[in-house]
Amino acid sequence: MASSRLPPTALTLKQFLRRQQVLQLYRKILKAVRQVPNEADRHYLRDWAREDFKRNKGATDEDTIRMMITQGNLQLEELERTLKLAKS
């Protein structure tokens, strides 16, 4: 029986670099979430991040992807600021 999956299409250099940016942001968010002291909050934030990235996985519009990366970086900065304040 033949597989119904199509062969993956090669990414352009621009797409590859953008993908690396997204993955790096995802890793940074998960790393920051691990520092949240409250376990319930940690689980909520981790699940929120996973779902948000999954929901936007199929995005292809370059401007939309750039906007989402910018928004994600702003949210990461806010989380890091909040964690820093909580520790002081």
N, C-alpha and C. Protein backbone atom coordinates (compact mmCIF):
# COMPACT_ATOMS: atom_id res chain seq x y z
N MET A 1 0.84 -1.18 0.00
CA MET A 1 0.00 0.00 0.00
C MET A 1 0.88 1.24 0.00
N ALA A 2 0.62 2.15 -0.89
CA ALA A 2 1.44 3.36 -1.02
C ALA A 2 1.09 4.35 0.08
N SER A 3 2.10 5.07 0.52
CA SER A 3 1.90 6.09 1.54
C SER A 3 1.19 7.29 0.94
N SER A 4 0.26 7.86 1.70
CA SER A 4 -0.46 9.03 1.20
C SER A 4 0.25 10.34 1.55
N ARG A 5 1.35 10.23 2.25
CA ARG A 5 2.10 11.43 2.62
C ARG A 5 2.91 11.94 1.45
N LEU A 6 2.87 13.23 1.27
CA LEU A 6 3.67 13.85 0.22
C LEU A 6 5.09 14.06 0.74
N PRO A 7 6.07 14.04 -0.14
CA PRO A 7 7.44 14.29 0.30
C PRO A 7 7.55 15.73 0.81
N PRO A 8 8.35 15.95 1.86
CA PRO A 8 8.47 17.31 2.39
C PRO A 8 9.10 18.23 1.35
N THR A 9 8.64 19.45 1.31
CA THR A 9 9.22 20.42 0.39
C THR A 9 10.40 21.07 1.07
N ALA A 10 11.41 21.39 0.30
CA ALA A 10 12.61 22.01 0.86
C ALA A 10 12.30 23.45 1.24
N LEU A 11 12.85 23.88 2.37
CA LEU A 11 12.66 25.25 2.82
C LEU A 11 13.65 26.16 2.12
N THR A 12 13.22 27.37 1.86
CA THR A 12 14.16 28.37 1.36
C THR A 12 15.05 28.77 2.53
N LEU A 13 16.14 29.44 2.25
CA LEU A 13 17.04 29.89 3.31
C LEU A 13 16.29 30.81 4.28
N LYS A 14 15.48 31.69 3.74
CA LYS A 14 14.71 32.62 4.57
C LYS A 14 13.76 31.86 5.49
N GLN A 15 13.06 30.85 4.94
CA GLN A 15 12.14 30.03 5.74
C GLN A 15 12.90 29.25 6.81
N PHE A 16 14.05 28.72 6.45
CA PHE A 16 14.86 27.96 7.40
C PHE A 16 15.30 28.84 8.56
N LEU A 17 15.77 30.05 8.25
CA LEU A 17 16.23 30.97 9.30
C LEU A 17 15.06 31.41 10.18
N ARG A 18 13.91 31.66 9.58
CA ARG A 18 12.73 32.06 10.35
C ARG A 18 12.31 30.92 11.27
N ARG A 19 12.36 29.69 10.75
CA ARG A 19 12.01 28.51 11.56
C ARG A 19 12.94 28.41 12.76
N GLN A 20 14.24 28.66 12.54
CA GLN A 20 15.20 28.62 13.64
C GLN A 20 14.87 29.68 14.69
N GLN A 21 14.44 30.85 14.23
CA GLN A 21 14.03 31.93 15.15
C GLN A 21 12.86 31.48 16.01
N VAL A 22 11.88 30.86 15.38
CA VAL A 22 10.69 30.40 16.10
C VAL A 22 11.07 29.33 17.12
N LEU A 23 11.88 28.37 16.72
CA LEU A 23 12.29 27.31 17.64
C LEU A 23 13.10 27.87 18.80
N GLN A 24 13.96 28.83 18.53
CA GLN A 24 14.76 29.45 19.59
C GLN A 24 13.84 30.18 20.58
N LEU A 25 12.85 30.89 20.08
CA LEU A 25 11.90 31.58 20.95
C LEU A 25 11.14 30.57 21.80
N TYR A 26 10.69 29.48 21.20
CA TYR A 26 9.96 28.44 21.92
C TYR A 26 10.81 27.88 23.07
N ARG A 27 12.06 27.57 22.77
CA ARG A 27 12.96 27.04 23.80
C ARG A 27 13.18 28.04 24.93
N LYS A 28 13.35 29.31 24.58
CA LYS A 28 13.55 30.36 25.59
C LYS A 28 12.32 30.50 26.49
N ILE A 29 11.15 30.43 25.88
CA ILE A 29 9.92 30.53 26.67
C ILE A 29 9.81 29.36 27.63
N LEU A 30 10.04 28.15 27.14
CA LEU A 30 9.95 26.98 28.01
C LEU A 30 10.99 27.03 29.12
N LYS A 31 12.17 27.54 28.81
CA LYS A 31 13.22 27.67 29.83
C LYS A 31 12.80 28.67 30.91
N ALA A 32 12.21 29.79 30.50
CA ALA A 32 11.73 30.78 31.46
C ALA A 32 10.59 30.22 32.30
N VAL A 33 9.70 29.48 31.67
CA VAL A 33 8.56 28.90 32.39
C VAL A 33 9.03 27.95 33.48
N ARG A 34 10.13 27.24 33.24
CA ARG A 34 10.66 26.32 34.26
C ARG A 34 11.07 27.04 35.54
N GLN A 35 11.28 28.35 35.46
CA GLN A 35 11.68 29.12 36.63
C GLN A 35 10.49 29.62 37.46
N VAL A 36 9.27 29.42 36.96
CA VAL A 36 8.08 29.85 37.69
C VAL A 36 7.95 28.98 38.94
N PRO A 37 7.90 29.61 40.12
CA PRO A 37 7.92 28.81 41.36
C PRO A 37 6.66 28.00 41.61
N ASN A 38 5.49 28.52 41.25
CA ASN A 38 4.24 27.82 41.51
C ASN A 38 4.00 26.76 40.44
N GLU A 39 3.82 25.51 40.88
CA GLU A 39 3.70 24.40 39.94
C GLU A 39 2.48 24.53 39.03
N ALA A 40 1.36 24.95 39.58
CA ALA A 40 0.14 25.10 38.77
C ALA A 40 0.34 26.18 37.70
N ASP A 41 0.96 27.29 38.09
CA ASP A 41 1.25 28.36 37.12
C ASP A 41 2.22 27.88 36.05
N ARG A 42 3.21 27.12 36.48
CA ARG A 42 4.21 26.59 35.54
C ARG A 42 3.53 25.71 34.50
N HIS A 43 2.66 24.81 34.95
CA HIS A 43 1.95 23.92 34.02
C HIS A 43 1.03 24.71 33.08
N TYR A 44 0.33 25.70 33.64
CA TYR A 44 -0.56 26.53 32.82
C TYR A 44 0.22 27.24 31.73
N LEU A 45 1.33 27.89 32.10
CA LEU A 45 2.14 28.64 31.13
C LEU A 45 2.76 27.73 30.08
N ARG A 46 3.23 26.56 30.51
CA ARG A 46 3.81 25.62 29.55
C ARG A 46 2.76 25.15 28.55
N ASP A 47 1.58 24.80 29.06
CA ASP A 47 0.50 24.35 28.16
C ASP A 47 0.06 25.46 27.23
N TRP A 48 -0.01 26.69 27.76
CA TRP A 48 -0.39 27.84 26.94
C TRP A 48 0.61 28.04 25.79
N ALA A 49 1.91 27.97 26.13
CA ALA A 49 2.94 28.16 25.11
C ALA A 49 2.85 27.07 24.04
N ARG A 50 2.73 25.82 24.48
CA ARG A 50 2.64 24.71 23.53
C ARG A 50 1.45 24.88 22.59
N GLU A 51 0.29 25.20 23.15
CA GLU A 51 -0.91 25.35 22.34
C GLU A 51 -0.79 26.53 21.38
N ASP A 52 -0.22 27.62 21.85
CA ASP A 52 -0.06 28.80 21.00
C ASP A 52 0.84 28.50 19.81
N PHE A 53 1.95 27.82 20.05
CA PHE A 53 2.85 27.47 18.96
C PHE A 53 2.21 26.46 18.02
N LYS A 54 1.50 25.46 18.58
CA LYS A 54 0.81 24.47 17.74
C LYS A 54 -0.24 25.14 16.86
N ARG A 55 -1.01 26.06 17.45
CA ARG A 55 -2.09 26.73 16.73
C ARG A 55 -1.56 27.51 15.53
N ASN A 56 -0.37 28.06 15.68
CA ASN A 56 0.19 28.91 14.62
C ASN A 56 1.21 28.19 13.74
N LYS A 57 1.33 26.89 13.91
CA LYS A 57 2.32 26.10 13.18
C LYS A 57 2.19 26.22 11.66
N GLY A 58 0.97 26.33 11.18
CA GLY A 58 0.74 26.35 9.74
C GLY A 58 0.85 27.73 9.10
N ALA A 59 1.18 28.74 9.88
CA ALA A 59 1.27 30.10 9.34
C ALA A 59 2.35 30.17 8.26
N THR A 60 2.03 30.83 7.16
CA THR A 60 2.98 30.94 6.06
C THR A 60 3.27 32.38 5.65
N ASP A 61 2.39 33.30 6.02
CA ASP A 61 2.59 34.70 5.65
C ASP A 61 3.77 35.28 6.43
N GLU A 62 4.75 35.77 5.73
CA GLU A 62 5.99 36.26 6.34
C GLU A 62 5.74 37.39 7.34
N ASP A 63 4.88 38.34 6.99
CA ASP A 63 4.59 39.45 7.90
C ASP A 63 3.91 38.96 9.17
N THR A 64 2.99 38.03 9.03
CA THR A 64 2.29 37.47 10.19
C THR A 64 3.27 36.74 11.10
N ILE A 65 4.16 35.97 10.52
CA ILE A 65 5.14 35.22 11.31
C ILE A 65 6.06 36.18 12.05
N ARG A 66 6.52 37.22 11.37
CA ARG A 66 7.38 38.22 12.03
C ARG A 66 6.65 38.88 13.19
N MET A 67 5.38 39.21 12.98
CA MET A 67 4.58 39.84 14.02
C MET A 67 4.42 38.89 15.22
N MET A 68 4.19 37.62 14.96
CA MET A 68 4.03 36.64 16.05
C MET A 68 5.34 36.47 16.82
N ILE A 69 6.46 36.47 16.12
CA ILE A 69 7.77 36.36 16.78
C ILE A 69 7.99 37.58 17.67
N THR A 70 7.68 38.75 17.17
CA THR A 70 7.83 39.98 17.96
C THR A 70 6.95 39.92 19.20
N GLN A 71 5.70 39.51 19.01
CA GLN A 71 4.77 39.40 20.15
C GLN A 71 5.27 38.37 21.15
N GLY A 72 5.77 37.25 20.67
CA GLY A 72 6.31 36.21 21.56
C GLY A 72 7.50 36.71 22.35
N ASN A 73 8.38 37.48 21.70
CA ASN A 73 9.53 38.04 22.41
C ASN A 73 9.10 39.03 23.48
N LEU A 74 8.08 39.83 23.19
CA LEU A 74 7.56 40.77 24.19
C LEU A 74 6.97 40.01 25.38
N GLN A 75 6.25 38.95 25.12
CA GLN A 75 5.67 38.15 26.21
C GLN A 75 6.77 37.47 27.03
N LEU A 76 7.82 37.01 26.35
CA LEU A 76 8.95 36.41 27.05
C LEU A 76 9.62 37.44 27.95
N GLU A 77 9.84 38.65 27.44
CA GLU A 77 10.46 39.70 28.25
C GLU A 77 9.61 40.02 29.47
N GLU A 78 8.30 40.06 29.28
CA GLU A 78 7.39 40.33 30.41
C GLU A 78 7.48 39.23 31.45
N LEU A 79 7.51 37.98 31.01
CA LEU A 79 7.65 36.86 31.94
C LEU A 79 8.97 36.94 32.70
N GLU A 80 10.04 37.23 31.99
CA GLU A 80 11.36 37.33 32.63
C GLU A 80 11.39 38.48 33.64
N ARG A 81 10.77 39.62 33.30
CA ARG A 81 10.69 40.76 34.24
C ARG A 81 9.91 40.37 35.50
N THR A 82 8.79 39.68 35.29
CA THR A 82 7.95 39.26 36.41
C THR A 82 8.71 38.29 37.32
N LEU A 83 9.44 37.37 36.71
CA LEU A 83 10.22 36.42 37.50
C LEU A 83 11.32 37.11 38.28
N LYS A 84 11.95 38.09 37.66
CA LYS A 84 13.02 38.84 38.31
C LYS A 84 12.47 39.62 39.50
N LEU A 85 11.30 40.26 39.32
CA LEU A 85 10.68 40.98 40.42
C LEU A 85 10.27 40.05 41.55
N ALA A 86 9.79 38.86 41.22
CA ALA A 86 9.36 37.91 42.23
C ALA A 86 10.54 37.42 43.08
N LYS A 87 11.71 37.37 42.47
CA LYS A 87 12.91 36.89 43.19
C LYS A 87 13.51 37.97 44.08
N SER A 88 13.21 39.24 43.79
CA SER A 88 13.84 40.33 44.57
C SER A 88 13.03 40.69 45.80
